[in-house]
Amino acid sequence: MAKNFLPVAPYGIRTAFVGLSGPLFYDYKNKASRTGADLSSSPNAVLAAPISLMLLYDEIWFLIRSLCPENLRQCAFVRFVDESGALDDLDPDDAQKWLELNSSSLETAAYKIMREEFFDHYRDVLHNTGINWSNACDNHTHGLKIGPFEVGANSASFRSLLFDLYIMEKLERPYVDLVTNPYLEKCLESSLFPAGKLSFSERLIGPRLLNWQTPSGPYRPEIEDLRQHRFLEDYRSWVAKLDGKFDAQEAAERQEAVEREIHSEMRRALLEKLNDGLLVKNSAVLLGKAVLDLATAGVSGYFLDSAETVKKHVETKSSRWQGFLLDLERPQSSDR
């Protein structure tokens, strides 16, 4: 099998594979450029946690170009598996046998999960993904030509996930993470849950940045600077150590715990600044105002010096991942 662009060893590169089960929606109103894989239509793919996907991985391998949002397709860190020739020697009959052999009771469980958590809350899922424009989003594509296969992508179909697992097995790259959408991932019995970690990361990053989802995709030039951030590796390592599966309630509780921890670090640094006599002493009101500004609306000019103290305090600790999240609230900063 030709694998001319697939590295034979990881070399420390974090790689995500996005296949038929990856995108959460397909927008038929705001279409993408048509590709050779599109047999009848070309809806633009919408990813569940795009900012975290671009930040937590060095490379993103899409199975085909049609599964990649329009404005991500020219990025240097994006590759397309089918265009490498890696699928040319696959046998559709072999794939069908593999799918039949590996289908199980999980498929029934998947249908229940998708009905209760996805379709029963379809509008909420759509909104929470960041889609705030006039759209015609569906959970599936029409026909796609993928190497020797003619299939369709469907974010609610366990068969889409099985097909991706089949491709992963044939690619023989065990260090590459399969990133399915978080709803289908809940149907897997696995020790690795990248979609759950991505979704949780997006909960932390989302409030700190503007919504990057657009009708053409999630890419913005600022992501290139963030991918070079001095604390990004610390943030990646911290996320990697988290438990993988997150339901909505657990994710909310974990988010609150993280914000409390960051809030505590900020408050400690600000108190140190007060004790140094550089700000008005014994001013709980001002301190509360500063913490509120830092945690919700960015840094006010009056407390800018204290904010720098917070950053320096974080830099000297093992929890430098907090510095990455804090810096997201200050996109105008060039100190990265």
C-alpha atoms as a PDB file:
ATOM      1  CA  MET A   1       0.000   0.000   0.000  1.00  0.00           C
ATOM      2  CA  ALA A   2       1.405   3.386  -0.939  1.00  0.00           C
ATOM      3  CA  LYS A   3       1.960   5.582   2.098  1.00  0.00           C
ATOM      4  CA  ASN A   4       4.257   8.204   0.684  1.00  0.00           C
ATOM      5  CA  PHE A   5       3.241  10.990   3.064  1.00  0.00           C
ATOM      6  CA  LEU A   6       2.679   8.900   6.188  1.00  0.00           C
ATOM      7  CA  PRO A   7       5.738   8.970   8.466  1.00  0.00           C
ATOM      8  CA  VAL A   8       7.162   5.597   9.472  1.00  0.00           C
ATOM      9  CA  ALA A   9       7.722   6.838  13.031  1.00  0.00           C
ATOM     10  CA  PRO A  10       5.946   9.501  15.083  1.00  0.00           C
ATOM     11  CA  TYR A  11       9.011  11.726  15.667  1.00  0.00           C
ATOM     12  CA  GLY A  12       7.106  13.402  18.485  1.00  0.00           C
ATOM     13  CA  ILE A  13       4.452  14.703  16.105  1.00  0.00           C
ATOM     14  CA  ARG A  14       0.898  14.600  17.442  1.00  0.00           C
ATOM     15  CA  THR A  15      -1.402  13.518  14.623  1.00  0.00           C
ATOM     16  CA  ALA A  16      -5.199  13.377  14.417  1.00  0.00           C
ATOM     17  CA  PHE A  17      -7.137  11.338  11.858  1.00  0.00           C
ATOM     18  CA  VAL A  18     -10.602  12.668  10.915  1.00  0.00           C
ATOM     19  CA  GLY A  19     -12.759  10.275   8.899  1.00  0.00           C
ATOM     20  CA  LEU A  20     -16.431   9.696   8.155  1.00  0.00           C
ATOM     21  CA  SER A  21     -17.379   9.899  11.836  1.00  0.00           C
ATOM     22  CA  GLY A  22     -15.444  13.102  12.555  1.00  0.00           C
ATOM     23  CA  PRO A  23     -17.445  16.154  11.398  1.00  0.00           C
ATOM     24  CA  LEU A  24     -20.601  16.801  13.392  1.00  0.00           C
ATOM     25  CA  PHE A  25     -22.595  18.620  10.693  1.00  0.00           C
ATOM     26  CA  TYR A  26     -22.592  19.378   6.975  1.00  0.00           C
ATOM     27  CA  ASP A  27     -23.922  22.745   5.811  1.00  0.00           C
ATOM     28  CA  TYR A  28     -25.798  22.426   2.503  1.00  0.00           C
ATOM     29  CA  LYS A  29     -26.624  26.140   2.355  1.00  0.00           C
ATOM     30  CA  ASN A  30     -22.998  27.299   2.609  1.00  0.00           C
ATOM     31  CA  LYS A  31     -21.276  24.761   0.407  1.00  0.00           C
ATOM     32  CA  ALA A  32     -17.577  24.011   0.105  1.00  0.00           C
ATOM     33  CA  SER A  33     -15.655  23.829  -3.159  1.00  0.00           C
ATOM     34  CA  ARG A  34     -16.514  20.617  -4.934  1.00  0.00           C
ATOM     35  CA  THR A  35     -13.857  17.891  -4.853  1.00  0.00           C
ATOM     36  CA  GLY A  36     -13.312  14.727  -6.846  1.00  0.00           C
ATOM     37  CA  ALA A  37     -14.828  12.757  -3.987  1.00  0.00           C
ATOM     38  CA  ASP A  38     -18.179  14.582  -4.106  1.00  0.00           C
ATOM     39  CA  LEU A  39     -20.557  12.496  -6.195  1.00  0.00           C
ATOM     40  CA  SER A  40     -23.611  14.777  -6.028  1.00  0.00           C
ATOM     41  CA  SER A  41     -23.158  17.633  -3.509  1.00  0.00           C
ATOM     42  CA  SER A  42     -20.476  19.448  -1.530  1.00  0.00           C
ATOM     43  CA  PRO A  43     -21.770  20.626   1.873  1.00  0.00           C
ATOM     44  CA  ASN A  44     -19.182  22.280   4.106  1.00  0.00           C
ATOM     45  CA  ALA A  45     -18.098  20.154   7.064  1.00  0.00           C
ATOM     46  CA  VAL A  46     -18.486  21.531  10.610  1.00  0.00           C
ATOM     47  CA  LEU A  47     -16.159  20.165  13.304  1.00  0.00           C
ATOM     48  CA  ALA A  48     -17.213  19.762  16.940  1.00  0.00           C
ATOM     49  CA  ALA A  49     -14.109  21.277  18.614  1.00  0.00           C
ATOM     50  CA  PRO A  50     -12.041  22.886  15.854  1.00  0.00           C
ATOM     51  CA  ILE A  51      -9.893  25.273  17.904  1.00  0.00           C
ATOM     52  CA  SER A  52      -8.723  22.531  20.237  1.00  0.00           C
ATOM     53  CA  LEU A  53      -8.167  20.184  17.289  1.00  0.00           C
ATOM     54  CA  MET A  54      -5.853  22.757  15.676  1.00  0.00           C
ATOM     55  CA  LEU A  55      -4.033  23.447  18.947  1.00  0.00           C
ATOM     56  CA  LEU A  56      -3.636  19.974  20.436  1.00  0.00           C
ATOM     57  CA  TYR A  57      -2.352  18.323  17.243  1.00  0.00           C
ATOM     58  CA  ASP A  58       0.624  19.147  15.048  1.00  0.00           C
ATOM     59  CA  GLU A  59      -0.997  17.544  12.003  1.00  0.00           C
ATOM     60  CA  ILE A  60      -4.580  16.730  11.040  1.00  0.00           C
ATOM     61  CA  TRP A  61      -5.111  13.951   8.506  1.00  0.00           C
ATOM     62  CA  PHE A  62      -8.544  14.084   6.894  1.00  0.00           C
ATOM     63  CA  LEU A  63      -9.625  10.934   5.118  1.00  0.00           C
ATOM     64  CA  ILE A  64     -10.699  13.057   2.136  1.00  0.00           C
ATOM     65  CA  ARG A  65     -10.821  16.774   1.347  1.00  0.00           C
ATOM     66  CA  SER A  66     -14.652  16.764   1.473  1.00  0.00           C
ATOM     67  CA  LEU A  67     -14.558  16.105   5.247  1.00  0.00           C
ATOM     68  CA  CYS A  68     -12.388  19.174   5.854  1.00  0.00           C
ATOM     69  CA  PRO A  69     -13.951  22.634   6.309  1.00  0.00           C
ATOM     70  CA  GLU A  70     -13.290  24.899   3.332  1.00  0.00           C
ATOM     71  CA  ASN A  71     -10.922  27.369   4.963  1.00  0.00           C
ATOM     72  CA  LEU A  72      -8.783  24.630   6.548  1.00  0.00           C
ATOM     73  CA  ARG A  73      -7.980  22.879   3.284  1.00  0.00           C
ATOM     74  CA  GLN A  74      -4.905  24.962   2.415  1.00  0.00           C
ATOM     75  CA  CYS A  75      -3.320  24.861   5.881  1.00  0.00           C
ATOM     76  CA  ALA A  76       0.218  23.489   6.072  1.00  0.00           C
ATOM     77  CA  PHE A  77      -0.705  21.218   8.990  1.00  0.00           C
ATOM     78  CA  VAL A  78      -3.581  19.534   7.103  1.00  0.00           C
ATOM     79  CA  ARG A  79      -3.154  16.424   4.913  1.00  0.00           C
ATOM     80  CA  PHE A  80      -5.550  14.216   2.938  1.00  0.00           C
ATOM     81  CA  VAL A  81      -5.106  10.454   3.159  1.00  0.00           C
ATOM     82  CA  ASP A  82      -6.797   9.509  -0.117  1.00  0.00           C
ATOM     83  CA  GLU A  83      -4.615  11.917  -2.110  1.00  0.00           C
ATOM     84  CA  SER A  84      -1.504  10.050  -0.923  1.00  0.00           C
ATOM     85  CA  GLY A  85      -2.562   6.829  -2.644  1.00  0.00           C
ATOM     86  CA  ALA A  86      -2.783   5.091   0.717  1.00  0.00           C
ATOM     87  CA  LEU A  87      -6.274   3.736  -0.040  1.00  0.00           C
ATOM     88  CA  ASP A  88      -5.808   2.610  -3.629  1.00  0.00           C
ATOM     89  CA  ASP A  89      -5.075  -1.054  -2.862  1.00  0.00           C
ATOM     90  CA  LEU A  90      -7.957  -1.571  -0.426  1.00  0.00           C
ATOM     91  CA  ASP A  91     -10.646  -4.105  -1.328  1.00  0.00           C
ATOM     92  CA  PRO A  92     -14.315  -3.097  -0.787  1.00  0.00           C
ATOM     93  CA  ASP A  93     -15.266  -6.764  -0.247  1.00  0.00           C
ATOM     94  CA  ASP A  94     -12.608  -7.056   2.462  1.00  0.00           C
ATOM     95  CA  ALA A  95     -13.916  -3.879   4.061  1.00  0.00           C
ATOM     96  CA  GLN A  96     -17.480  -5.203   4.043  1.00  0.00           C
ATOM     97  CA  LYS A  97     -16.399  -8.444   5.704  1.00  0.00           C
ATOM     98  CA  TRP A  98     -14.448  -6.478   8.321  1.00  0.00           C
ATOM     99  CA  LEU A  99     -17.442  -4.270   9.065  1.00  0.00           C
ATOM    100  CA  GLU A 100     -19.750  -7.252   9.449  1.00  0.00           C
ATOM    101  CA  LEU A 101     -17.259  -9.062  11.677  1.00  0.00           C
ATOM    102  CA  ASN A 102     -16.767  -6.068  13.969  1.00  0.00           C
ATOM    103  CA  SER A 103     -20.360  -4.871  14.225  1.00  0.00           C
ATOM    104  CA  SER A 104     -21.783  -5.815  17.596  1.00  0.00           C
ATOM    105  CA  SER A 105     -24.197  -4.896  20.343  1.00  0.00           C
ATOM    106  CA  LEU A 106     -22.366  -1.558  20.463  1.00  0.00           C
ATOM    107  CA  GLU A 107     -24.296  -0.573  17.352  1.00  0.00           C
ATOM    108  CA  THR A 108     -27.602  -0.854  19.218  1.00  0.00           C
ATOM    109  CA  ALA A 109     -26.174   1.152  22.107  1.00  0.00           C
ATOM    110  CA  ALA A 110     -24.911   3.753  19.639  1.00  0.00           C
ATOM    111  CA  TYR A 111     -28.364   4.228  18.139  1.00  0.00           C
ATOM    112  CA  LYS A 112     -29.806   4.856  21.609  1.00  0.00           C
ATOM    113  CA  ILE A 113     -27.068   7.335  22.528  1.00  0.00           C
ATOM    114  CA  MET A 114     -27.431   9.244  19.278  1.00  0.00           C
ATOM    115  CA  ARG A 115     -31.206   9.428  19.589  1.00  0.00           C
ATOM    116  CA  GLU A 116     -31.218  10.596  23.216  1.00  0.00           C
ATOM    117  CA  GLU A 117     -28.185  12.889  23.219  1.00  0.00           C
ATOM    118  CA  PHE A 118     -27.954  14.092  19.633  1.00  0.00           C
ATOM    119  CA  PHE A 119     -31.258  14.020  17.748  1.00  0.00           C
ATOM    120  CA  ASP A 120     -33.453  14.837  20.776  1.00  0.00           C
ATOM    121  CA  HIS A 121     -31.352  17.983  21.323  1.00  0.00           C
ATOM    122  CA  TYR A 122     -30.470  18.727  17.721  1.00  0.00           C
ATOM    123  CA  ARG A 123     -30.942  22.513  17.850  1.00  0.00           C
ATOM    124  CA  ASP A 124     -28.953  22.820  21.073  1.00  0.00           C
ATOM    125  CA  VAL A 125     -26.097  20.726  19.669  1.00  0.00           C
ATOM    126  CA  LEU A 126     -26.114  22.876  16.551  1.00  0.00           C
ATOM    127  CA  HIS A 127     -26.001  26.072  18.596  1.00  0.00           C
ATOM    128  CA  ASN A 128     -23.315  24.787  20.989  1.00  0.00           C
ATOM    129  CA  THR A 129     -21.098  23.910  18.032  1.00  0.00           C
ATOM    130  CA  GLY A 130     -20.916  27.644  17.296  1.00  0.00           C
ATOM    131  CA  ILE A 131     -23.165  27.766  14.229  1.00  0.00           C
ATOM    132  CA  ASN A 132     -24.820  31.179  14.427  1.00  0.00           C
ATOM    133  CA  TRP A 133     -25.426  31.864  10.724  1.00  0.00           C
ATOM    134  CA  SER A 134     -28.270  30.964   8.365  1.00  0.00           C
ATOM    135  CA  ASN A 135     -27.618  27.332   7.517  1.00  0.00           C
ATOM    136  CA  ALA A 136     -29.012  24.074   6.206  1.00  0.00           C
ATOM    137  CA  CYS A 137     -27.008  21.709   8.380  1.00  0.00           C
ATOM    138  CA  ASP A 138     -27.567  17.968   8.300  1.00  0.00           C
ATOM    139  CA  ASN A 139     -25.734  15.130  10.004  1.00  0.00           C
ATOM    140  CA  HIS A 140     -24.757  13.367   6.763  1.00  0.00           C
ATOM    141  CA  THR A 141     -23.297  13.860   3.301  1.00  0.00           C
ATOM    142  CA  HIS A 142     -24.505  12.384   0.035  1.00  0.00           C
ATOM    143  CA  GLY A 143     -22.316   9.915  -1.829  1.00  0.00           C
ATOM    144  CA  LEU A 144     -18.543  10.139  -1.564  1.00  0.00           C
ATOM    145  CA  LYS A 145     -15.884   8.440  -3.672  1.00  0.00           C
ATOM    146  CA  ILE A 146     -13.060   7.358  -1.356  1.00  0.00           C
ATOM    147  CA  GLY A 147     -10.428   5.324  -3.155  1.00  0.00           C
ATOM    148  CA  PRO A 148     -12.265   2.186  -4.319  1.00  0.00           C
ATOM    149  CA  PHE A 149     -15.251   2.898  -2.030  1.00  0.00           C
ATOM    150  CA  GLU A 150     -18.519   4.739  -2.569  1.00  0.00           C
ATOM    151  CA  VAL A 151     -19.856   5.618   0.865  1.00  0.00           C
ATOM    152  CA  GLY A 152     -21.394   8.484   2.781  1.00  0.00           C
ATOM    153  CA  ALA A 153     -20.319  10.262   5.958  1.00  0.00           C
ATOM    154  CA  ASN A 154     -22.818  10.288   8.820  1.00  0.00           C
ATOM    155  CA  SER A 155     -22.055  11.712  12.253  1.00  0.00           C
ATOM    156  CA  ALA A 156     -24.834   9.642  13.827  1.00  0.00           C
ATOM    157  CA  SER A 157     -23.997   6.291  12.228  1.00  0.00           C
ATOM    158  CA  PHE A 158     -21.966   3.650  14.037  1.00  0.00           C
ATOM    159  CA  ARG A 159     -21.080   2.257  10.593  1.00  0.00           C
ATOM    160  CA  SER A 160     -19.189   5.494   9.850  1.00  0.00           C
ATOM    161  CA  LEU A 161     -17.142   4.892  12.969  1.00  0.00           C
ATOM    162  CA  LEU A 162     -16.511   1.261  12.021  1.00  0.00           C
ATOM    163  CA  PHE A 163     -15.330   2.327   8.565  1.00  0.00           C
ATOM    164  CA  ASP A 164     -12.871   4.763  10.153  1.00  0.00           C
ATOM    165  CA  LEU A 165     -11.569   2.031  12.458  1.00  0.00           C
ATOM    166  CA  TYR A 166     -11.084  -0.206   9.424  1.00  0.00           C
ATOM    167  CA  ILE A 167      -9.074   2.501   7.634  1.00  0.00           C
ATOM    168  CA  MET A 168      -6.995   3.084  10.769  1.00  0.00           C
ATOM    169  CA  GLU A 169      -6.164  -0.611  10.950  1.00  0.00           C
ATOM    170  CA  LYS A 170      -5.069  -0.654   7.311  1.00  0.00           C
ATOM    171  CA  LEU A 171      -2.947   2.494   7.705  1.00  0.00           C
ATOM    172  CA  GLU A 172      -0.997   0.768  10.499  1.00  0.00           C
ATOM    173  CA  ARG A 173      -0.181   3.968  12.316  1.00  0.00           C
ATOM    174  CA  PRO A 174      -1.034   3.218  15.981  1.00  0.00           C
ATOM    175  CA  TYR A 175       0.314   6.552  17.251  1.00  0.00           C
ATOM    176  CA  VAL A 176      -2.284   8.472  15.200  1.00  0.00           C
ATOM    177  CA  ASP A 177      -5.440   9.400  17.141  1.00  0.00           C
ATOM    178  CA  LEU A 178      -8.804   8.687  15.568  1.00  0.00           C
ATOM    179  CA  VAL A 179     -10.905  11.777  16.276  1.00  0.00           C
ATOM    180  CA  THR A 180     -14.552  10.906  15.904  1.00  0.00           C
ATOM    181  CA  ASN A 181     -17.317  13.234  17.078  1.00  0.00           C
ATOM    182  CA  PRO A 182     -17.910  13.157  20.856  1.00  0.00           C
ATOM    183  CA  TYR A 183     -21.342  11.515  20.569  1.00  0.00           C
ATOM    184  CA  LEU A 184     -20.157   8.513  18.582  1.00  0.00           C
ATOM    185  CA  GLU A 185     -17.047   8.274  20.728  1.00  0.00           C
ATOM    186  CA  LYS A 186     -19.249   7.543  23.747  1.00  0.00           C
ATOM    187  CA  CYS A 187     -20.184   4.292  22.007  1.00  0.00           C
ATOM    188  CA  LEU A 188     -16.602   3.028  21.968  1.00  0.00           C
ATOM    189  CA  GLU A 189     -15.049   0.698  24.500  1.00  0.00           C
ATOM    190  CA  SER A 190     -11.546   2.126  24.469  1.00  0.00           C
ATOM    191  CA  SER A 191      -8.924   3.580  26.774  1.00  0.00           C
ATOM    192  CA  LEU A 192      -8.302   6.551  24.466  1.00  0.00           C
ATOM    193  CA  PHE A 193     -10.911   9.281  24.114  1.00  0.00           C
ATOM    194  CA  PRO A 194      -9.485  12.222  22.126  1.00  0.00           C
ATOM    195  CA  ALA A 195     -12.922  13.621  21.226  1.00  0.00           C
ATOM    196  CA  GLY A 196     -13.880  13.871  24.897  1.00  0.00           C
ATOM    197  CA  LYS A 197     -10.650  15.692  25.692  1.00  0.00           C
ATOM    198  CA  LEU A 198     -11.078  17.989  22.706  1.00  0.00           C
ATOM    199  CA  SER A 199     -14.636  18.832  23.769  1.00  0.00           C
ATOM    200  CA  PHE A 200     -13.524  19.626  27.306  1.00  0.00           C
ATOM    201  CA  SER A 201     -10.635  21.740  26.026  1.00  0.00           C
ATOM    202  CA  GLU A 202     -13.073  23.648  23.827  1.00  0.00           C
ATOM    203  CA  ARG A 203     -15.196  24.447  26.903  1.00  0.00           C
ATOM    204  CA  LEU A 204     -12.168  26.115  28.469  1.00  0.00           C
ATOM    205  CA  ILE A 205     -10.906  27.862  25.356  1.00  0.00           C
ATOM    206  CA  GLY A 206     -14.257  28.943  23.895  1.00  0.00           C
ATOM    207  CA  PRO A 207     -15.166  31.643  26.465  1.00  0.00           C
ATOM    208  CA  ARG A 208     -11.676  33.127  26.130  1.00  0.00           C
ATOM    209  CA  LEU A 209     -11.797  33.590  22.358  1.00  0.00           C
ATOM    210  CA  LEU A 210     -14.351  34.835  19.902  1.00  0.00           C
ATOM    211  CA  ASN A 211     -16.361  32.145  18.145  1.00  0.00           C
ATOM    212  CA  TRP A 212     -14.160  31.100  15.258  1.00  0.00           C
ATOM    213  CA  GLN A 213     -16.804  29.030  13.508  1.00  0.00           C
ATOM    214  CA  THR A 214     -17.858  30.651  10.231  1.00  0.00           C
ATOM    215  CA  PRO A 215     -19.779  29.455   7.157  1.00  0.00           C
ATOM    216  CA  SER A 216     -16.444  28.711   5.461  1.00  0.00           C
ATOM    217  CA  GLY A 217     -14.815  27.021   8.445  1.00  0.00           C
ATOM    218  CA  PRO A 218     -12.966  27.641  11.744  1.00  0.00           C
ATOM    219  CA  TYR A 219      -9.546  28.787  10.524  1.00  0.00           C
ATOM    220  CA  ARG A 220      -8.167  32.197  11.497  1.00  0.00           C
ATOM    221  CA  PRO A 221      -4.565  33.384  10.983  1.00  0.00           C
ATOM    222  CA  GLU A 222      -4.202  33.863  14.758  1.00  0.00           C
ATOM    223  CA  ILE A 223      -4.113  30.088  15.178  1.00  0.00           C
ATOM    224  CA  GLU A 224      -0.595  30.035  13.711  1.00  0.00           C
ATOM    225  CA  ASP A 225       0.707  32.170  16.594  1.00  0.00           C
ATOM    226  CA  LEU A 226      -1.194  30.132  19.178  1.00  0.00           C
ATOM    227  CA  ARG A 227       0.282  26.908  17.752  1.00  0.00           C
ATOM    228  CA  GLN A 228       3.718  28.362  18.619  1.00  0.00           C
ATOM    229  CA  HIS A 229       2.739  29.552  22.105  1.00  0.00           C
ATOM    230  CA  ARG A 230       5.440  28.955  24.712  1.00  0.00           C
ATOM    231  CA  PHE A 231       2.979  27.292  27.110  1.00  0.00           C
ATOM    232  CA  LEU A 232       1.061  25.228  24.558  1.00  0.00           C
ATOM    233  CA  GLU A 233       3.131  22.110  25.224  1.00  0.00           C
ATOM    234  CA  ASP A 234       2.308  22.407  28.933  1.00  0.00           C
ATOM    235  CA  TYR A 235      -1.370  22.748  28.106  1.00  0.00           C
ATOM    236  CA  ARG A 236      -1.237  19.726  25.783  1.00  0.00           C
ATOM    237  CA  SER A 237       0.430  17.614  28.470  1.00  0.00           C
ATOM    238  CA  TRP A 238      -2.151  18.673  31.037  1.00  0.00           C
ATOM    239  CA  VAL A 239      -5.069  17.785  28.722  1.00  0.00           C
ATOM    240  CA  ALA A 240      -3.452  14.445  27.836  1.00  0.00           C
ATOM    241  CA  LYS A 241      -3.458  13.411  31.498  1.00  0.00           C
ATOM    242  CA  LEU A 242      -7.178  14.056  31.957  1.00  0.00           C
ATOM    243  CA  ASP A 243      -9.726  11.258  32.000  1.00  0.00           C
ATOM    244  CA  GLY A 244     -11.094  10.848  28.503  1.00  0.00           C
ATOM    245  CA  LYS A 245     -14.867  10.473  28.600  1.00  0.00           C
ATOM    246  CA  PHE A 246     -16.884  13.527  29.587  1.00  0.00           C
ATOM    247  CA  ASP A 247     -20.628  13.763  29.798  1.00  0.00           C
ATOM    248  CA  ALA A 248     -22.173  17.226  29.909  1.00  0.00           C
ATOM    249  CA  GLN A 249     -22.574  17.390  33.692  1.00  0.00           C
ATOM    250  CA  GLU A 250     -19.092  16.090  34.437  1.00  0.00           C
ATOM    251  CA  ALA A 251     -17.562  18.453  31.888  1.00  0.00           C
ATOM    252  CA  ALA A 252     -19.332  21.422  33.516  1.00  0.00           C
ATOM    253  CA  GLU A 253     -18.112  20.380  36.967  1.00  0.00           C
ATOM    254  CA  ARG A 254     -14.557  19.948  35.733  1.00  0.00           C
ATOM    255  CA  GLN A 255     -14.693  23.310  34.003  1.00  0.00           C
ATOM    256  CA  GLU A 256     -15.781  24.976  37.258  1.00  0.00           C
ATOM    257  CA  ALA A 257     -12.928  23.278  39.124  1.00  0.00           C
ATOM    258  CA  VAL A 258     -10.368  24.486  36.588  1.00  0.00           C
ATOM    259  CA  GLU A 259     -11.697  28.052  36.696  1.00  0.00           C
ATOM    260  CA  ARG A 260     -11.565  27.994  40.505  1.00  0.00           C
ATOM    261  CA  GLU A 261      -7.945  26.853  40.379  1.00  0.00           C
ATOM    262  CA  ILE A 262      -6.986  29.624  37.961  1.00  0.00           C
ATOM    263  CA  HIS A 263      -8.998  32.138  40.010  1.00  0.00           C
ATOM    264  CA  SER A 264      -7.106  31.050  43.135  1.00  0.00           C
ATOM    265  CA  GLU A 265      -3.726  31.566  41.449  1.00  0.00           C
ATOM    266  CA  MET A 266      -4.756  35.006  40.222  1.00  0.00           C
ATOM    267  CA  ARG A 267      -6.038  36.011  43.643  1.00  0.00           C
ATOM    268  CA  ARG A 268      -2.824  34.852  45.355  1.00  0.00           C
ATOM    269  CA  ALA A 269      -0.672  36.837  42.942  1.00  0.00           C
ATOM    270  CA  LEU A 270      -2.846  39.923  43.311  1.00  0.00           C
ATOM    271  CA  LEU A 271      -2.679  39.683  47.121  1.00  0.00           C
ATOM    272  CA  GLU A 272       1.109  39.512  46.895  1.00  0.00           C
ATOM    273  CA  LYS A 273       1.000  42.660  44.797  1.00  0.00           C
ATOM    274  CA  LEU A 274      -1.176  44.379  47.402  1.00  0.00           C
ATOM    275  CA  ASN A 275       1.167  43.337  50.193  1.00  0.00           C
ATOM    276  CA  ASP A 276       4.061  44.859  48.258  1.00  0.00           C
ATOM    277  CA  GLY A 277       2.347  48.204  48.685  1.00  0.00           C
ATOM    278  CA  LEU A 278       2.153  48.775  44.939  1.00  0.00           C
ATOM    279  CA  LEU A 279      -1.646  48.839  45.027  1.00  0.00           C
ATOM    280  CA  VAL A 280      -4.007  50.233  47.633  1.00  0.00           C
ATOM    281  CA  LYS A 281      -3.886  47.988  50.724  1.00  0.00           C
ATOM    282  CA  ASN A 282      -6.901  46.516  52.467  1.00  0.00           C
ATOM    283  CA  SER A 283      -9.086  46.933  49.381  1.00  0.00           C
ATOM    284  CA  ALA A 284     -11.177  43.809  49.008  1.00  0.00           C
ATOM    285  CA  VAL A 285     -13.540  45.585  46.631  1.00  0.00           C
ATOM    286  CA  LEU A 286     -10.758  46.454  44.210  1.00  0.00           C
ATOM    287  CA  LEU A 287      -9.308  42.975  44.489  1.00  0.00           C
ATOM    288  CA  GLY A 288     -12.651  41.431  43.653  1.00  0.00           C
ATOM    289  CA  LYS A 289     -12.989  43.788  40.679  1.00  0.00           C
ATOM    290  CA  ALA A 290      -9.554  42.804  39.402  1.00  0.00           C
ATOM    291  CA  VAL A 291     -10.236  39.092  39.653  1.00  0.00           C
ATOM    292  CA  LEU A 292     -13.567  39.556  37.922  1.00  0.00           C
ATOM    293  CA  ASP A 293     -11.899  41.479  35.099  1.00  0.00           C
ATOM    294  CA  LEU A 294      -9.255  38.818  34.659  1.00  0.00           C
ATOM    295  CA  ALA A 295     -11.627  35.889  34.763  1.00  0.00           C
ATOM    296  CA  THR A 296     -14.400  37.170  32.531  1.00  0.00           C
ATOM    297  CA  ALA A 297     -13.624  40.259  30.482  1.00  0.00           C
ATOM    298  CA  GLY A 298      -9.894  40.417  30.058  1.00  0.00           C
ATOM    299  CA  VAL A 299      -7.479  42.658  31.921  1.00  0.00           C
ATOM    300  CA  SER A 300      -8.446  46.208  32.789  1.00  0.00           C
ATOM    301  CA  GLY A 301      -5.822  48.901  32.271  1.00  0.00           C
ATOM    302  CA  TYR A 302      -5.692  49.742  35.970  1.00  0.00           C
ATOM    303  CA  PHE A 303      -4.669  46.212  36.939  1.00  0.00           C
ATOM    304  CA  LEU A 304      -2.378  45.503  33.996  1.00  0.00           C
ATOM    305  CA  ASP A 305       0.699  45.466  36.237  1.00  0.00           C
ATOM    306  CA  SER A 306      -0.964  42.905  38.502  1.00  0.00           C
ATOM    307  CA  ALA A 307      -1.833  40.788  35.489  1.00  0.00           C
ATOM    308  CA  GLU A 308       1.851  40.653  34.578  1.00  0.00           C
ATOM    309  CA  THR A 309       2.558  39.497  38.135  1.00  0.00           C
ATOM    310  CA  VAL A 310       0.015  36.713  37.653  1.00  0.00           C
ATOM    311  CA  LYS A 311       1.731  35.599  34.457  1.00  0.00           C
ATOM    312  CA  LYS A 312       5.182  35.608  36.087  1.00  0.00           C
ATOM    313  CA  HIS A 313       3.784  33.674  39.054  1.00  0.00           C
ATOM    314  CA  VAL A 314       2.353  31.020  36.736  1.00  0.00           C
ATOM    315  CA  GLU A 315       5.579  30.766  34.715  1.00  0.00           C
ATOM    316  CA  THR A 316       7.548  29.634  37.751  1.00  0.00           C
ATOM    317  CA  LYS A 317       5.163  26.780  38.617  1.00  0.00           C
ATOM    318  CA  SER A 318       4.461  23.360  37.166  1.00  0.00           C
ATOM    319  CA  SER A 319       0.958  24.576  36.264  1.00  0.00           C
ATOM    320  CA  ARG A 320       2.131  26.623  33.294  1.00  0.00           C
ATOM    321  CA  TRP A 321      -0.866  25.333  31.339  1.00  0.00           C
ATOM    322  CA  GLN A 322      -2.804  28.022  33.207  1.00  0.00           C
ATOM    323  CA  GLY A 323      -0.583  30.631  31.583  1.00  0.00           C
ATOM    324  CA  PHE A 324      -1.737  29.439  28.178  1.00  0.00           C
ATOM    325  CA  LEU A 325      -5.408  29.909  29.096  1.00  0.00           C
ATOM    326  CA  LEU A 326      -4.696  33.295  30.667  1.00  0.00           C
ATOM    327  CA  ASP A 327      -2.915  34.482  27.540  1.00  0.00           C
ATOM    328  CA  LEU A 328      -5.915  33.564  25.396  1.00  0.00           C
ATOM    329  CA  GLU A 329      -7.760  36.398  27.143  1.00  0.00           C
ATOM    330  CA  ARG A 330      -5.142  38.828  25.854  1.00  0.00           C
ATOM    331  CA  PRO A 331      -4.849  38.114  22.094  1.00  0.00           C
ATOM    332  CA  GLN A 332      -3.268  41.522  21.555  1.00  0.00           C
ATOM    333  CA  SER A 333      -0.199  40.435  23.537  1.00  0.00           C
ATOM    334  CA  SER A 334       2.928  39.776  21.463  1.00  0.00           C
ATOM    335  CA  ASP A 335       4.757  38.120  24.361  1.00  0.00           C
ATOM    336  CA  ARG A 336       4.214  34.506  23.271  1.00  0.00           C
END
